[in-house]
Amino acid sequence: MRRGPTATSCRACRRGPGPATQRAFTLVEILVVMVIVGIAAGLALALVAPDERDLSLREARRFAGTIEYAALRAQWRDRMLGVSVGGNVVRYWRRDDAGDRWLLVDDDDVLASRTLPAPVEGAALVYAGHALAADAIVPLRASGNNDPFAFALVAGDWRTIVAADPLNRVSIEGPARVPR
């Protein structure tokens, strides 16, 4: 008759609990993992949520591009256009057929009214050397001979200026910290 191994002959049973059978994380290993996870989360948050300075610059670049496009479209179509920024909304305008009133541009996706992301707000600053009301319409002539103008985009403590010269070259100044 054959019998299984006895308790004294089984090596695994004789060894008992020890370092080879028990494994746990040390405090140092847990802390290292927590630091790595924290750094990765911080980087992801910084990439996903831009700060006010970056937001102001990004919106200024987008606005400058649409102004250049609008100035070229005015020349291509031989029709005066206009641009205004009131609070957090950018609007592009065209003159009616009689030339008496401004109407919203509704036939171009690039020039459609656009809401700026919070906390960005904008305002007209100057046109032809004169101060403007914040939501004034700045004309873009069909001849391409425009007077210089400037708009300001403000996001928190940061202000970016979008300006155009008589040759329709659009420039961006800033962002610069707004003095309080």
N, C-alpha and C. Protein backbone atom coordinates (compact mmCIF):
# COMPACT_ATOMS: atom_id res chain seq x y z
N MET A 1 0.82 -1.15 0.00
CA MET A 1 0.00 0.00 0.00
C MET A 1 0.88 1.23 0.00
N ARG A 2 0.48 2.09 -0.81
CA ARG A 2 1.29 3.27 -1.00
C ARG A 2 0.68 4.44 -0.27
N ARG A 3 1.49 5.22 0.42
CA ARG A 3 0.99 6.37 1.16
C ARG A 3 1.68 7.62 0.66
N GLY A 4 0.99 8.74 0.79
CA GLY A 4 1.54 10.03 0.37
C GLY A 4 2.66 10.45 1.30
N PRO A 5 3.29 11.54 0.98
CA PRO A 5 4.40 12.02 1.80
C PRO A 5 3.91 12.43 3.17
N THR A 6 4.73 12.24 4.10
CA THR A 6 4.38 12.62 5.47
C THR A 6 4.73 14.08 5.67
N ALA A 7 4.25 14.65 6.71
CA ALA A 7 4.47 16.07 7.00
C ALA A 7 5.94 16.36 7.16
N THR A 8 6.69 15.42 7.69
CA THR A 8 8.10 15.66 7.92
C THR A 8 8.92 15.49 6.66
N SER A 9 8.40 14.77 5.67
CA SER A 9 9.19 14.58 4.47
C SER A 9 8.90 15.65 3.40
N CYS A 10 7.89 16.43 3.54
CA CYS A 10 7.54 17.47 2.56
C CYS A 10 8.38 18.71 2.83
N ARG A 11 9.24 19.06 1.86
CA ARG A 11 10.12 20.21 2.05
C ARG A 11 9.34 21.50 2.20
N ALA A 12 8.31 21.69 1.37
CA ALA A 12 7.54 22.93 1.44
C ALA A 12 6.88 23.07 2.79
N CYS A 13 6.47 21.95 3.35
CA CYS A 13 5.81 22.02 4.65
C CYS A 13 6.80 22.29 5.76
N ARG A 14 8.03 21.80 5.60
CA ARG A 14 9.02 22.00 6.66
C ARG A 14 9.56 23.42 6.66
N ARG A 15 9.57 24.06 5.47
CA ARG A 15 10.15 25.39 5.40
C ARG A 15 9.34 26.40 6.20
N GLY A 16 8.04 26.34 6.10
CA GLY A 16 7.19 27.27 6.83
C GLY A 16 7.18 28.64 6.18
N PRO A 17 6.46 29.56 6.74
CA PRO A 17 6.40 30.91 6.17
C PRO A 17 7.75 31.60 6.29
N GLY A 18 8.13 32.31 5.26
CA GLY A 18 9.41 33.01 5.26
C GLY A 18 9.44 34.02 4.14
N PRO A 19 10.60 34.58 3.90
CA PRO A 19 10.70 35.61 2.87
C PRO A 19 10.36 35.12 1.47
N ALA A 20 10.57 33.87 1.18
CA ALA A 20 10.30 33.37 -0.17
C ALA A 20 8.81 33.26 -0.44
N THR A 21 7.98 33.12 0.55
CA THR A 21 6.55 32.94 0.33
C THR A 21 5.75 34.21 0.61
N GLN A 22 6.31 35.21 1.26
CA GLN A 22 5.59 36.45 1.54
C GLN A 22 6.25 37.60 0.81
N ARG A 23 5.43 38.42 0.14
CA ARG A 23 5.96 39.57 -0.57
C ARG A 23 4.99 40.73 -0.37
N ALA A 24 5.51 41.88 0.02
CA ALA A 24 4.68 43.08 0.22
C ALA A 24 5.45 44.28 -0.30
N PHE A 25 4.73 45.39 -0.60
CA PHE A 25 5.37 46.62 -1.04
C PHE A 25 5.92 47.36 0.15
N THR A 26 7.07 47.95 -0.04
CA THR A 26 7.64 48.75 1.04
C THR A 26 7.06 50.16 0.94
N LEU A 27 7.22 50.91 1.99
CA LEU A 27 6.73 52.28 2.04
C LEU A 27 7.41 53.13 0.96
N VAL A 28 8.68 52.91 0.74
CA VAL A 28 9.42 53.67 -0.28
C VAL A 28 8.84 53.41 -1.67
N GLU A 29 8.54 52.15 -1.99
CA GLU A 29 7.97 51.83 -3.29
C GLU A 29 6.61 52.50 -3.50
N ILE A 30 5.80 52.49 -2.47
CA ILE A 30 4.48 53.13 -2.56
C ILE A 30 4.64 54.63 -2.77
N LEU A 31 5.56 55.28 -2.05
CA LEU A 31 5.77 56.72 -2.21
C LEU A 31 6.29 57.07 -3.59
N VAL A 32 7.19 56.26 -4.14
CA VAL A 32 7.71 56.51 -5.49
C VAL A 32 6.58 56.45 -6.51
N VAL A 33 5.72 55.46 -6.42
CA VAL A 33 4.60 55.34 -7.33
C VAL A 33 3.66 56.54 -7.19
N MET A 34 3.41 56.99 -5.97
CA MET A 34 2.53 58.15 -5.77
C MET A 34 3.13 59.42 -6.37
N VAL A 35 4.44 59.60 -6.26
CA VAL A 35 5.10 60.77 -6.84
C VAL A 35 5.00 60.74 -8.36
N ILE A 36 5.22 59.59 -8.97
CA ILE A 36 5.12 59.46 -10.42
C ILE A 36 3.70 59.75 -10.90
N VAL A 37 2.72 59.21 -10.22
CA VAL A 37 1.32 59.46 -10.59
C VAL A 37 0.99 60.94 -10.44
N GLY A 38 1.48 61.58 -9.39
CA GLY A 38 1.24 63.01 -9.18
C GLY A 38 1.85 63.87 -10.27
N ILE A 39 3.06 63.56 -10.68
CA ILE A 39 3.72 64.32 -11.75
C ILE A 39 2.96 64.14 -13.07
N ALA A 40 2.56 62.91 -13.37
CA ALA A 40 1.82 62.66 -14.61
C ALA A 40 0.49 63.40 -14.60
N ALA A 41 -0.21 63.42 -13.48
CA ALA A 41 -1.49 64.13 -13.39
C ALA A 41 -1.28 65.64 -13.55
N GLY A 42 -0.23 66.18 -12.96
CA GLY A 42 0.06 67.60 -13.10
C GLY A 42 0.37 67.99 -14.53
N LEU A 43 1.14 67.18 -15.23
CA LEU A 43 1.44 67.45 -16.64
C LEU A 43 0.19 67.37 -17.50
N ALA A 44 -0.64 66.38 -17.25
CA ALA A 44 -1.88 66.23 -18.02
C ALA A 44 -2.80 67.43 -17.79
N LEU A 45 -2.90 67.90 -16.58
CA LEU A 45 -3.74 69.06 -16.28
C LEU A 45 -3.19 70.31 -16.96
N ALA A 46 -1.88 70.48 -16.96
CA ALA A 46 -1.28 71.65 -17.60
C ALA A 46 -1.50 71.63 -19.11
N LEU A 47 -1.51 70.46 -19.72
CA LEU A 47 -1.72 70.36 -21.15
C LEU A 47 -3.19 70.53 -21.53
N VAL A 48 -4.08 70.07 -20.68
CA VAL A 48 -5.50 70.13 -20.98
C VAL A 48 -6.07 71.52 -20.71
N ALA A 49 -5.71 72.15 -19.64
CA ALA A 49 -6.26 73.45 -19.25
C ALA A 49 -5.18 74.52 -19.37
N PRO A 50 -5.14 75.24 -20.51
CA PRO A 50 -4.12 76.27 -20.67
C PRO A 50 -4.35 77.42 -19.69
N ASP A 51 -3.26 78.07 -19.31
CA ASP A 51 -3.41 79.19 -18.40
C ASP A 51 -3.91 80.41 -19.17
N GLU A 52 -4.24 81.48 -18.45
CA GLU A 52 -4.83 82.67 -19.06
C GLU A 52 -3.90 83.31 -20.09
N ARG A 53 -2.61 83.27 -19.84
CA ARG A 53 -1.64 83.86 -20.78
C ARG A 53 -1.69 83.12 -22.11
N ASP A 54 -1.62 81.80 -22.07
CA ASP A 54 -1.67 81.00 -23.29
C ASP A 54 -3.01 81.15 -24.00
N LEU A 55 -4.09 81.21 -23.23
CA LEU A 55 -5.42 81.37 -23.80
C LEU A 55 -5.54 82.70 -24.53
N SER A 56 -5.01 83.77 -23.94
CA SER A 56 -5.05 85.09 -24.57
C SER A 56 -4.27 85.07 -25.89
N LEU A 57 -3.11 84.47 -25.90
CA LEU A 57 -2.29 84.41 -27.11
C LEU A 57 -2.94 83.54 -28.18
N ARG A 58 -3.48 82.41 -27.79
CA ARG A 58 -4.13 81.52 -28.76
C ARG A 58 -5.32 82.20 -29.43
N GLU A 59 -6.14 82.89 -28.65
CA GLU A 59 -7.30 83.58 -29.21
C GLU A 59 -6.87 84.77 -30.07
N ALA A 60 -5.79 85.45 -29.69
CA ALA A 60 -5.28 86.56 -30.49
C ALA A 60 -4.81 86.05 -31.86
N ARG A 61 -4.15 84.92 -31.89
CA ARG A 61 -3.71 84.35 -33.16
C ARG A 61 -4.89 83.97 -34.04
N ARG A 62 -5.89 83.38 -33.44
CA ARG A 62 -7.09 83.01 -34.20
C ARG A 62 -7.78 84.26 -34.73
N PHE A 63 -7.91 85.28 -33.90
CA PHE A 63 -8.55 86.53 -34.29
C PHE A 63 -7.76 87.23 -35.40
N ALA A 64 -6.44 87.26 -35.28
CA ALA A 64 -5.59 87.88 -36.31
C ALA A 64 -5.77 87.17 -37.65
N GLY A 65 -5.86 85.86 -37.63
CA GLY A 65 -6.06 85.10 -38.86
C GLY A 65 -7.39 85.42 -39.52
N THR A 66 -8.44 85.55 -38.73
CA THR A 66 -9.74 85.85 -39.31
C THR A 66 -9.81 87.29 -39.82
N ILE A 67 -9.10 88.20 -39.17
CA ILE A 67 -9.05 89.58 -39.67
C ILE A 67 -8.36 89.62 -41.03
N GLU A 68 -7.24 88.92 -41.16
CA GLU A 68 -6.55 88.86 -42.45
C GLU A 68 -7.45 88.26 -43.53
N TYR A 69 -8.14 87.20 -43.17
CA TYR A 69 -9.06 86.56 -44.12
C TYR A 69 -10.17 87.53 -44.51
N ALA A 70 -10.74 88.23 -43.54
CA ALA A 70 -11.83 89.17 -43.81
C ALA A 70 -11.36 90.31 -44.72
N ALA A 71 -10.15 90.84 -44.48
CA ALA A 71 -9.62 91.91 -45.32
C ALA A 71 -9.44 91.43 -46.75
N LEU A 72 -8.95 90.21 -46.93
CA LEU A 72 -8.79 89.65 -48.28
C LEU A 72 -10.14 89.39 -48.93
N ARG A 73 -11.09 88.91 -48.16
CA ARG A 73 -12.42 88.65 -48.71
C ARG A 73 -13.08 89.95 -49.16
N ALA A 74 -12.89 91.02 -48.40
CA ALA A 74 -13.45 92.32 -48.80
C ALA A 74 -12.91 92.73 -50.17
N GLN A 75 -11.64 92.48 -50.39
CA GLN A 75 -11.04 92.83 -51.69
C GLN A 75 -11.52 91.89 -52.79
N TRP A 76 -11.54 90.60 -52.52
CA TRP A 76 -11.95 89.62 -53.53
C TRP A 76 -13.37 89.87 -54.03
N ARG A 77 -14.25 90.15 -53.07
CA ARG A 77 -15.66 90.31 -53.42
C ARG A 77 -16.05 91.76 -53.67
N ASP A 78 -15.08 92.66 -53.56
CA ASP A 78 -15.32 94.08 -53.79
C ASP A 78 -16.49 94.58 -52.96
N ARG A 79 -16.43 94.26 -51.66
CA ARG A 79 -17.52 94.63 -50.75
C ARG A 79 -16.93 94.94 -49.38
N MET A 80 -17.33 96.06 -48.81
CA MET A 80 -16.82 96.46 -47.49
C MET A 80 -17.32 95.49 -46.42
N LEU A 81 -16.40 95.09 -45.57
CA LEU A 81 -16.73 94.27 -44.41
C LEU A 81 -16.34 95.05 -43.15
N GLY A 82 -16.78 94.56 -42.02
CA GLY A 82 -16.42 95.17 -40.75
C GLY A 82 -16.22 94.11 -39.69
N VAL A 83 -15.53 94.47 -38.64
CA VAL A 83 -15.30 93.55 -37.52
C VAL A 83 -15.56 94.30 -36.22
N SER A 84 -16.18 93.60 -35.28
CA SER A 84 -16.40 94.18 -33.95
C SER A 84 -16.20 93.11 -32.89
N VAL A 85 -15.80 93.57 -31.72
CA VAL A 85 -15.67 92.68 -30.57
C VAL A 85 -16.38 93.36 -29.42
N GLY A 86 -17.41 92.70 -28.92
CA GLY A 86 -18.15 93.24 -27.79
C GLY A 86 -18.16 92.22 -26.67
N GLY A 87 -17.45 92.51 -25.60
CA GLY A 87 -17.37 91.55 -24.50
C GLY A 87 -16.65 90.30 -24.94
N ASN A 88 -17.39 89.20 -25.02
CA ASN A 88 -16.75 87.94 -25.41
C ASN A 88 -17.23 87.42 -26.76
N VAL A 89 -17.78 88.31 -27.62
CA VAL A 89 -18.28 87.88 -28.92
C VAL A 89 -17.59 88.68 -30.03
N VAL A 90 -17.05 87.94 -31.00
CA VAL A 90 -16.45 88.54 -32.20
C VAL A 90 -17.47 88.39 -33.32
N ARG A 91 -17.73 89.53 -34.00
CA ARG A 91 -18.70 89.52 -35.10
C ARG A 91 -18.07 90.14 -36.34
N TYR A 92 -18.46 89.62 -37.50
CA TYR A 92 -18.05 90.19 -38.78
C TYR A 92 -19.31 90.67 -39.50
N TRP A 93 -19.18 91.83 -40.11
CA TRP A 93 -20.31 92.53 -40.70
C TRP A 93 -20.06 92.78 -42.18
N ARG A 94 -21.14 93.01 -42.92
CA ARG A 94 -21.08 93.46 -44.30
C ARG A 94 -22.10 94.58 -44.46
N ARG A 95 -21.84 95.45 -45.43
CA ARG A 95 -22.79 96.52 -45.71
C ARG A 95 -23.94 95.96 -46.54
N ASP A 96 -25.15 96.48 -46.31
CA ASP A 96 -26.28 96.07 -47.14
C ASP A 96 -26.10 96.64 -48.55
N ASP A 97 -26.97 96.25 -49.45
CA ASP A 97 -26.82 96.66 -50.85
C ASP A 97 -26.88 98.17 -51.04
N ALA A 98 -27.64 98.84 -50.21
CA ALA A 98 -27.73 100.29 -50.30
C ALA A 98 -26.54 100.98 -49.62
N GLY A 99 -25.81 100.24 -48.81
CA GLY A 99 -24.66 100.79 -48.10
C GLY A 99 -25.02 101.60 -46.88
N ASP A 100 -26.25 101.41 -46.38
CA ASP A 100 -26.73 102.19 -45.24
C ASP A 100 -26.54 101.51 -43.90
N ARG A 101 -26.63 100.19 -43.88
CA ARG A 101 -26.63 99.46 -42.62
C ARG A 101 -25.60 98.34 -42.65
N TRP A 102 -25.16 97.97 -41.43
CA TRP A 102 -24.29 96.80 -41.26
C TRP A 102 -25.18 95.59 -41.00
N LEU A 103 -24.89 94.49 -41.69
CA LEU A 103 -25.58 93.22 -41.48
C LEU A 103 -24.54 92.16 -41.11
N LEU A 104 -24.92 91.22 -40.26
CA LEU A 104 -24.00 90.14 -39.89
C LEU A 104 -23.66 89.29 -41.11
N VAL A 105 -22.41 88.90 -41.22
CA VAL A 105 -21.99 87.98 -42.28
C VAL A 105 -22.56 86.61 -41.91
N ASP A 106 -23.35 86.06 -42.83
CA ASP A 106 -23.98 84.77 -42.55
C ASP A 106 -23.70 83.73 -43.61
N ASP A 107 -22.82 84.06 -44.57
CA ASP A 107 -22.56 83.12 -45.65
C ASP A 107 -21.12 82.58 -45.64
N ASP A 108 -20.45 82.69 -44.50
CA ASP A 108 -19.05 82.26 -44.42
C ASP A 108 -18.79 81.70 -43.02
N ASP A 109 -18.42 80.44 -42.94
CA ASP A 109 -18.18 79.81 -41.63
C ASP A 109 -17.01 80.44 -40.88
N VAL A 110 -16.00 80.88 -41.60
CA VAL A 110 -14.83 81.49 -40.95
C VAL A 110 -15.21 82.80 -40.27
N LEU A 111 -16.12 83.55 -40.89
CA LEU A 111 -16.50 84.85 -40.37
C LEU A 111 -17.81 84.83 -39.59
N ALA A 112 -18.27 83.67 -39.20
CA ALA A 112 -19.47 83.57 -38.38
C ALA A 112 -19.19 84.14 -37.00
N SER A 113 -20.23 84.65 -36.35
CA SER A 113 -20.07 85.16 -34.99
C SER A 113 -19.48 84.07 -34.11
N ARG A 114 -18.57 84.47 -33.23
CA ARG A 114 -17.87 83.49 -32.40
C ARG A 114 -17.77 84.00 -30.98
N THR A 115 -18.10 83.12 -30.05
CA THR A 115 -17.96 83.45 -28.63
C THR A 115 -16.58 83.05 -28.17
N LEU A 116 -15.88 84.00 -27.56
CA LEU A 116 -14.54 83.72 -27.04
C LEU A 116 -14.65 82.86 -25.80
N PRO A 117 -13.70 81.98 -25.56
CA PRO A 117 -13.76 81.14 -24.35
C PRO A 117 -13.52 81.97 -23.10
N ALA A 118 -14.22 81.62 -22.03
CA ALA A 118 -14.02 82.33 -20.76
C ALA A 118 -12.60 82.08 -20.29
N PRO A 119 -11.94 83.02 -19.73
CA PRO A 119 -12.32 84.37 -19.33
C PRO A 119 -11.91 85.44 -20.34
N VAL A 120 -11.73 85.10 -21.61
CA VAL A 120 -11.26 86.07 -22.60
C VAL A 120 -12.38 87.04 -22.97
N GLU A 121 -12.05 88.32 -22.98
CA GLU A 121 -12.96 89.36 -23.44
C GLU A 121 -12.18 90.30 -24.34
N GLY A 122 -12.86 90.93 -25.27
CA GLY A 122 -12.18 91.81 -26.21
C GLY A 122 -12.87 93.14 -26.35
N ALA A 123 -12.15 94.08 -26.96
CA ALA A 123 -12.69 95.42 -27.20
C ALA A 123 -11.88 96.09 -28.29
N ALA A 124 -12.54 96.97 -29.05
CA ALA A 124 -11.84 97.79 -30.03
C ALA A 124 -11.08 98.87 -29.26
N LEU A 125 -9.87 99.18 -29.71
CA LEU A 125 -9.07 100.23 -29.05
C LEU A 125 -9.01 101.50 -29.87
N VAL A 126 -8.44 101.40 -31.07
CA VAL A 126 -8.26 102.59 -31.90
C VAL A 126 -8.53 102.26 -33.36
N TYR A 127 -8.95 103.31 -34.10
CA TYR A 127 -9.11 103.23 -35.54
C TYR A 127 -8.67 104.57 -36.11
N ALA A 128 -7.72 104.55 -37.02
CA ALA A 128 -7.19 105.76 -37.64
C ALA A 128 -6.70 106.77 -36.59
N GLY A 129 -6.13 106.26 -35.51
CA GLY A 129 -5.57 107.12 -34.48
C GLY A 129 -6.56 107.65 -33.47
N HIS A 130 -7.81 107.25 -33.54
CA HIS A 130 -8.84 107.73 -32.62
C HIS A 130 -9.36 106.58 -31.76
N ALA A 131 -9.61 106.88 -30.49
CA ALA A 131 -10.17 105.88 -29.59
C ALA A 131 -11.58 105.51 -30.04
N LEU A 132 -11.94 104.26 -29.80
CA LEU A 132 -13.25 103.75 -30.21
C LEU A 132 -14.05 103.27 -29.02
N ALA A 133 -15.36 103.20 -29.21
CA ALA A 133 -16.21 102.51 -28.24
C ALA A 133 -15.82 101.03 -28.28
N ALA A 134 -15.98 100.35 -27.18
CA ALA A 134 -15.51 98.96 -27.06
C ALA A 134 -16.08 98.04 -28.13
N ASP A 135 -17.34 98.23 -28.52
CA ASP A 135 -17.97 97.32 -29.48
C ASP A 135 -18.15 97.96 -30.86
N ALA A 136 -17.34 98.95 -31.19
CA ALA A 136 -17.44 99.64 -32.49
C ALA A 136 -17.09 98.69 -33.63
N ILE A 137 -17.71 98.96 -34.79
CA ILE A 137 -17.42 98.17 -35.99
C ILE A 137 -16.28 98.86 -36.74
N VAL A 138 -15.20 98.11 -36.94
CA VAL A 138 -14.04 98.62 -37.67
C VAL A 138 -14.18 98.18 -39.13
N PRO A 139 -14.20 99.14 -40.07
CA PRO A 139 -14.40 98.77 -41.48
C PRO A 139 -13.14 98.21 -42.13
N LEU A 140 -13.36 97.28 -43.04
CA LEU A 140 -12.32 96.72 -43.90
C LEU A 140 -12.75 97.02 -45.33
N ARG A 141 -12.10 97.98 -45.95
CA ARG A 141 -12.53 98.47 -47.26
C ARG A 141 -12.22 97.49 -48.38
N ALA A 142 -13.07 97.54 -49.40
CA ALA A 142 -12.89 96.68 -50.57
C ALA A 142 -11.64 97.06 -51.34
N SER A 143 -11.20 98.31 -51.23
CA SER A 143 -9.99 98.74 -51.93
C SER A 143 -8.73 98.16 -51.31
N GLY A 144 -8.84 97.69 -50.06
CA GLY A 144 -7.68 97.18 -49.34
C GLY A 144 -6.88 98.28 -48.66
N ASN A 145 -7.28 99.54 -48.84
CA ASN A 145 -6.62 100.68 -48.23
C ASN A 145 -7.32 101.00 -46.92
N ASN A 146 -6.91 100.33 -45.87
CA ASN A 146 -7.55 100.48 -44.56
C ASN A 146 -6.72 101.35 -43.64
N ASP A 147 -7.41 102.05 -42.75
CA ASP A 147 -6.71 102.81 -41.72
C ASP A 147 -6.24 101.84 -40.65
N PRO A 148 -5.14 102.18 -39.96
CA PRO A 148 -4.66 101.29 -38.90
C PRO A 148 -5.69 101.17 -37.78
N PHE A 149 -5.75 99.99 -37.19
CA PHE A 149 -6.67 99.77 -36.08
C PHE A 149 -6.08 98.76 -35.11
N ALA A 150 -6.67 98.70 -33.92
CA ALA A 150 -6.19 97.75 -32.91
C ALA A 150 -7.35 97.30 -32.03
N PHE A 151 -7.28 96.05 -31.63
CA PHE A 151 -8.21 95.45 -30.68
C PHE A 151 -7.40 94.89 -29.52
N ALA A 152 -8.03 94.79 -28.37
CA ALA A 152 -7.39 94.18 -27.20
C ALA A 152 -8.19 92.94 -26.80
N LEU A 153 -7.47 91.87 -26.50
CA LEU A 153 -8.07 90.66 -25.92
C LEU A 153 -7.47 90.50 -24.53
N VAL A 154 -8.33 90.40 -23.53
CA VAL A 154 -7.88 90.32 -22.14
C VAL A 154 -8.39 89.02 -21.54
N ALA A 155 -7.46 88.30 -20.90
CA ALA A 155 -7.80 87.07 -20.18
C ALA A 155 -7.19 87.17 -18.80
N GLY A 156 -7.99 87.46 -17.80
CA GLY A 156 -7.48 87.62 -16.44
C GLY A 156 -6.51 88.77 -16.36
N ASP A 157 -5.26 88.49 -16.00
CA ASP A 157 -4.23 89.52 -15.85
C ASP A 157 -3.45 89.76 -17.14
N TRP A 158 -3.82 89.12 -18.24
CA TRP A 158 -3.03 89.19 -19.47
C TRP A 158 -3.81 89.88 -20.57
N ARG A 159 -3.12 90.77 -21.28
CA ARG A 159 -3.72 91.52 -22.39
C ARG A 159 -2.86 91.34 -23.64
N THR A 160 -3.53 91.03 -24.75
CA THR A 160 -2.87 90.87 -26.04
C THR A 160 -3.50 91.84 -27.02
N ILE A 161 -2.67 92.55 -27.76
CA ILE A 161 -3.14 93.53 -28.74
C ILE A 161 -3.04 92.92 -30.15
N VAL A 162 -4.11 93.01 -30.89
CA VAL A 162 -4.14 92.59 -32.30
C VAL A 162 -4.31 93.88 -33.10
N ALA A 163 -3.31 94.20 -33.93
CA ALA A 163 -3.32 95.46 -34.67
C ALA A 163 -3.07 95.21 -36.15
N ALA A 164 -3.61 96.11 -36.98
CA ALA A 164 -3.39 96.03 -38.43
C ALA A 164 -2.91 97.38 -38.93
N ASP A 165 -1.99 97.33 -39.89
CA ASP A 165 -1.47 98.56 -40.48
C ASP A 165 -2.20 98.84 -41.80
N PRO A 166 -1.90 99.95 -42.48
CA PRO A 166 -2.60 100.29 -43.73
C PRO A 166 -2.42 99.26 -44.85
N LEU A 167 -1.40 98.42 -44.76
CA LEU A 167 -1.19 97.39 -45.78
C LEU A 167 -1.84 96.05 -45.40
N ASN A 168 -2.69 96.09 -44.39
CA ASN A 168 -3.43 94.91 -43.91
C ASN A 168 -2.53 93.85 -43.30
N ARG A 169 -1.37 94.25 -42.83
CA ARG A 169 -0.51 93.31 -42.10
C ARG A 169 -0.97 93.31 -40.64
N VAL A 170 -1.36 92.16 -40.16
CA VAL A 170 -1.86 92.04 -38.80
C VAL A 170 -0.74 91.56 -37.90
N SER A 171 -0.58 92.24 -36.77
CA SER A 171 0.46 91.87 -35.81
C SER A 171 -0.16 91.62 -34.44
N ILE A 172 0.59 90.88 -33.64
CA ILE A 172 0.15 90.56 -32.28
C ILE A 172 1.22 91.06 -31.32
N GLU A 173 0.80 91.83 -30.34
CA GLU A 173 1.70 92.33 -29.30
C GLU A 173 1.28 91.72 -27.96
N GLY A 174 2.19 91.06 -27.31
CA GLY A 174 1.89 90.48 -26.02
C GLY A 174 1.81 88.97 -26.12
N PRO A 175 1.24 88.37 -25.15
CA PRO A 175 0.49 88.94 -24.03
C PRO A 175 1.40 89.62 -23.00
N ALA A 176 0.88 90.67 -22.42
CA ALA A 176 1.58 91.40 -21.37
C ALA A 176 0.67 91.48 -20.16
N ARG A 177 1.28 91.50 -19.00
CA ARG A 177 0.50 91.58 -17.76
C ARG A 177 -0.16 92.94 -17.66
N VAL A 178 -1.44 92.94 -17.32
CA VAL A 178 -2.21 94.18 -17.15
C VAL A 178 -1.91 94.75 -15.78
N PRO A 179 -1.47 96.03 -15.72
CA PRO A 179 -1.23 96.61 -14.40
C PRO A 179 -2.54 96.77 -13.64
N ARG A 180 -2.50 96.44 -12.39
CA ARG A 180 -3.71 96.54 -11.53
C ARG A 180 -3.67 97.75 -10.68
